[in-house]
C-alpha atoms as a PDB file:
ATOM      1  CA  MET A   1       3.671   6.504 -19.341  1.00  0.00           C
ATOM      2  CA  ALA A   2       1.277   4.288 -17.394  1.00  0.00           C
ATOM      3  CA  ARG A   3      -2.315   4.510 -18.422  1.00  0.00           C
ATOM      4  CA  GLN A   4      -4.629   5.803 -15.707  1.00  0.00           C
ATOM      5  CA  ARG A   5      -7.504   3.593 -14.645  1.00  0.00           C
ATOM      6  CA  ALA A   6     -10.779   4.422 -12.957  1.00  0.00           C
ATOM      7  CA  GLY A   7      -9.459   3.477  -9.500  1.00  0.00           C
ATOM      8  CA  ALA A   8      -6.322   5.589  -9.803  1.00  0.00           C
ATOM      9  CA  GLU A   9      -7.719   8.379  -7.640  1.00  0.00           C
ATOM     10  CA  ALA A  10      -8.003   5.940  -4.701  1.00  0.00           C
ATOM     11  CA  MET A  11      -4.359   4.854  -4.810  1.00  0.00           C
ATOM     12  CA  ILE A  12      -2.369   5.452  -1.631  1.00  0.00           C
ATOM     13  CA  LEU A  13       0.939   5.772  -3.472  1.00  0.00           C
ATOM     14  CA  THR A  14       1.691   7.620  -6.674  1.00  0.00           C
ATOM     15  CA  ILE A  15       3.506   5.828  -9.465  1.00  0.00           C
ATOM     16  CA  GLU A  16       6.553   7.992  -8.683  1.00  0.00           C
ATOM     17  CA  GLU A  17       6.494   6.933  -5.013  1.00  0.00           C
ATOM     18  CA  ALA A  18       6.147   3.318  -6.112  1.00  0.00           C
ATOM     19  CA  ARG A  19       9.125   3.533  -8.454  1.00  0.00           C
ATOM     20  CA  GLU A  20      11.176   5.120  -5.669  1.00  0.00           C
ATOM     21  CA  ALA A  21      10.166   2.412  -3.170  1.00  0.00           C
ATOM     22  CA  LEU A  22      11.090  -0.291  -5.695  1.00  0.00           C
ATOM     23  CA  ARG A  23      14.259   1.564  -6.745  1.00  0.00           C
ATOM     24  CA  LEU A  24      13.237   1.620 -10.403  1.00  0.00           C
ATOM     25  CA  ASP A  25      14.024   4.209 -13.053  1.00  0.00           C
ATOM     26  CA  GLY A  26      11.642   4.908 -15.888  1.00  0.00           C
ATOM     27  CA  ALA A  27       8.199   3.662 -16.779  1.00  0.00           C
ATOM     28  CA  ASP A  28       9.168   0.265 -18.213  1.00  0.00           C
ATOM     29  CA  ASN A  29       7.509  -1.666 -15.370  1.00  0.00           C
ATOM     30  CA  ASP A  30       4.474   0.565 -14.884  1.00  0.00           C
ATOM     31  CA  VAL A  31       2.232  -2.004 -16.568  1.00  0.00           C
ATOM     32  CA  ILE A  32       3.061  -4.320 -13.642  1.00  0.00           C
ATOM     33  CA  ILE A  33       3.191  -1.679 -10.905  1.00  0.00           C
ATOM     34  CA  VAL A  34      -0.112   0.137 -11.549  1.00  0.00           C
ATOM     35  CA  PRO A  35      -2.372  -2.913 -10.950  1.00  0.00           C
ATOM     36  CA  LEU A  36      -0.452  -3.632  -7.742  1.00  0.00           C
ATOM     37  CA  LEU A  37      -0.954  -0.027  -6.610  1.00  0.00           C
ATOM     38  CA  GLU A  38      -4.654  -0.314  -7.358  1.00  0.00           C
ATOM     39  CA  ALA A  39      -4.923  -3.524  -5.302  1.00  0.00           C
ATOM     40  CA  ILE A  40      -3.270  -2.067  -2.195  1.00  0.00           C
ATOM     41  CA  PRO A  41      -6.118   0.233  -0.978  1.00  0.00           C
ATOM     42  CA  PRO A  42      -8.769  -2.517  -0.918  1.00  0.00           C
ATOM     43  CA  TYR A  43      -6.270  -4.878   0.721  1.00  0.00           C
ATOM     44  CA  ILE A  44      -5.569  -2.346   3.472  1.00  0.00           C
ATOM     45  CA  GLU A  45      -9.286  -1.660   3.888  1.00  0.00           C
ATOM     46  CA  ILE A  46     -10.143  -5.350   4.193  1.00  0.00           C
ATOM     47  CA  THR A  47      -7.327  -6.079   6.645  1.00  0.00           C
ATOM     48  CA  THR A  48      -7.612  -2.930   8.790  1.00  0.00           C
ATOM     49  CA  GLY A  49     -10.969  -1.268   8.181  1.00  0.00           C
ATOM     50  CA  ILE A  50      -9.263   1.931   7.023  1.00  0.00           C
ATOM     51  CA  SER A  51     -10.659   3.225   3.730  1.00  0.00           C
ATOM     52  CA  ALA A  52      -8.416   4.374   0.895  1.00  0.00           C
ATOM     53  CA  GLY A  53      -9.412   7.968   1.565  1.00  0.00           C
ATOM     54  CA  GLU A  54      -8.426   7.671   5.215  1.00  0.00           C
ATOM     55  CA  ALA A  55      -5.273   5.696   4.442  1.00  0.00           C
ATOM     56  CA  SER A  56      -3.901   8.337   2.099  1.00  0.00           C
ATOM     57  CA  SER A  57      -3.717  10.781   5.031  1.00  0.00           C
ATOM     58  CA  ILE A  58      -2.070   8.350   7.478  1.00  0.00           C
ATOM     59  CA  PRO A  59       1.726   8.160   7.095  1.00  0.00           C
ATOM     60  CA  LEU A  60       1.795   4.640   8.563  1.00  0.00           C
ATOM     61  CA  ALA A  61      -0.560   3.498   5.786  1.00  0.00           C
ATOM     62  CA  LYS A  62       1.800   4.888   3.126  1.00  0.00           C
ATOM     63  CA  THR A  63       4.649   2.998   4.781  1.00  0.00           C
ATOM     64  CA  ALA A  64       2.599  -0.207   4.849  1.00  0.00           C
ATOM     65  CA  ALA A  65       1.670   0.326   1.196  1.00  0.00           C
ATOM     66  CA  LYS A  66       5.348   0.585   0.247  1.00  0.00           C
ATOM     67  CA  PHE A  67       6.193  -2.658   2.038  1.00  0.00           C
ATOM     68  CA  ILE A  68       3.189  -4.436   0.491  1.00  0.00           C
ATOM     69  CA  LEU A  69       4.237  -3.221  -2.943  1.00  0.00           C
ATOM     70  CA  GLN A  70       7.789  -4.479  -2.406  1.00  0.00           C
ATOM     71  CA  LEU A  71       6.527  -7.898  -1.318  1.00  0.00           C
ATOM     72  CA  TRP A  72       4.058  -8.260  -4.176  1.00  0.00           C
ATOM     73  CA  TYR A  73       6.474  -6.963  -6.812  1.00  0.00           C
ATOM     74  CA  ASN A  74       9.391  -9.142  -5.620  1.00  0.00           C
ATOM     75  CA  ALA A  75       7.536 -12.096  -4.103  1.00  0.00           C
ATOM     76  CA  GLU A  76      10.419 -14.509  -4.719  1.00  0.00           C
ATOM     77  CA  GLN A  77      13.019 -12.471  -2.818  1.00  0.00           C
ATOM     78  CA  ALA A  78      14.966 -14.040   0.038  1.00  0.00           C
ATOM     79  CA  GLU A  79      13.666 -11.503   2.567  1.00  0.00           C
ATOM     80  CA  ALA A  80       9.970 -12.196   1.839  1.00  0.00           C
ATOM     81  CA  ASP A  81       9.251 -13.741   5.262  1.00  0.00           C
ATOM     82  CA  LYS A  82      10.818 -10.821   7.102  1.00  0.00           C
ATOM     83  CA  LEU A  83       8.950  -8.380   4.884  1.00  0.00           C
ATOM     84  CA  GLN A  84       5.652 -10.201   5.538  1.00  0.00           C
ATOM     85  CA  ARG A  85       6.193  -9.968   9.313  1.00  0.00           C
ATOM     86  CA  THR A  86       6.818  -6.228   8.979  1.00  0.00           C
ATOM     87  CA  ILE A  87       3.646  -5.813   6.924  1.00  0.00           C
ATOM     88  CA  ASP A  88       1.613  -7.798   9.456  1.00  0.00           C
ATOM     89  CA  SER A  89       2.839  -5.534  12.274  1.00  0.00           C
ATOM     90  CA  LEU A  90       2.034  -2.385  10.296  1.00  0.00           C
ATOM     91  CA  LEU A  91      -1.457  -3.660   9.455  1.00  0.00           C
ATOM     92  CA  LYS A  92      -2.129  -4.471  13.123  1.00  0.00           C
ATOM     93  CA  SER A  93      -1.101  -0.934  14.047  1.00  0.00           C
ATOM     94  CA  LEU A  94      -3.383   0.499  11.366  1.00  0.00           C
ATOM     95  CA  SER A  95      -6.237  -1.648  12.689  1.00  0.00           C
ATOM     96  CA  LEU A  96      -5.744  -0.121  16.130  1.00  0.00           C
ATOM     97  CA  ILE A  97      -5.769   3.370  14.620  1.00  0.00           C
ATOM     98  CA  ALA A  98      -9.077   2.543  12.922  1.00  0.00           C
ATOM     99  CA  LEU A  99     -10.585   1.190  16.165  1.00  0.00           C
ATOM    100  CA  ARG A 100      -9.530   4.273  18.116  1.00  0.00           C
ATOM    101  CA  ALA A 101     -10.917   6.611  15.451  1.00  0.00           C
ATOM    102  CA  ARG A 102     -14.261   4.799  15.505  1.00  0.00           C
ATOM    103  CA  ALA A 103     -14.371   4.825  19.314  1.00  0.00           C
ATOM    104  CA  GLN A 104     -13.707   8.579  19.373  1.00  0.00           C
ATOM    105  CA  ALA A 105     -16.394   9.173  16.750  1.00  0.00           C
ATOM    106  CA  GLU A 106     -19.052   7.454  18.882  1.00  0.00           C
END
């Protein structure tokens, strides 16, 4: 079982969701996956302005997190460029969601 870290409560994806997205069985790779999962929320916040708390309630953010995880976990894969373009589009959409939410709050 993966050891829980202090930032685990801010993760957008659970370890089970991550394993499913990566099509992995068992906990053998959790030592690699957990730090990646912990890095995704700050990455999304920096690139979109959406906090981890907000992102966990936005389905598009979960989708983006799955694609980011796939790219980071399998960075050498042949489809990396296509995956990066998909991630960029998702992050732009999330940025627009954040801008609209801030505009409505004002």
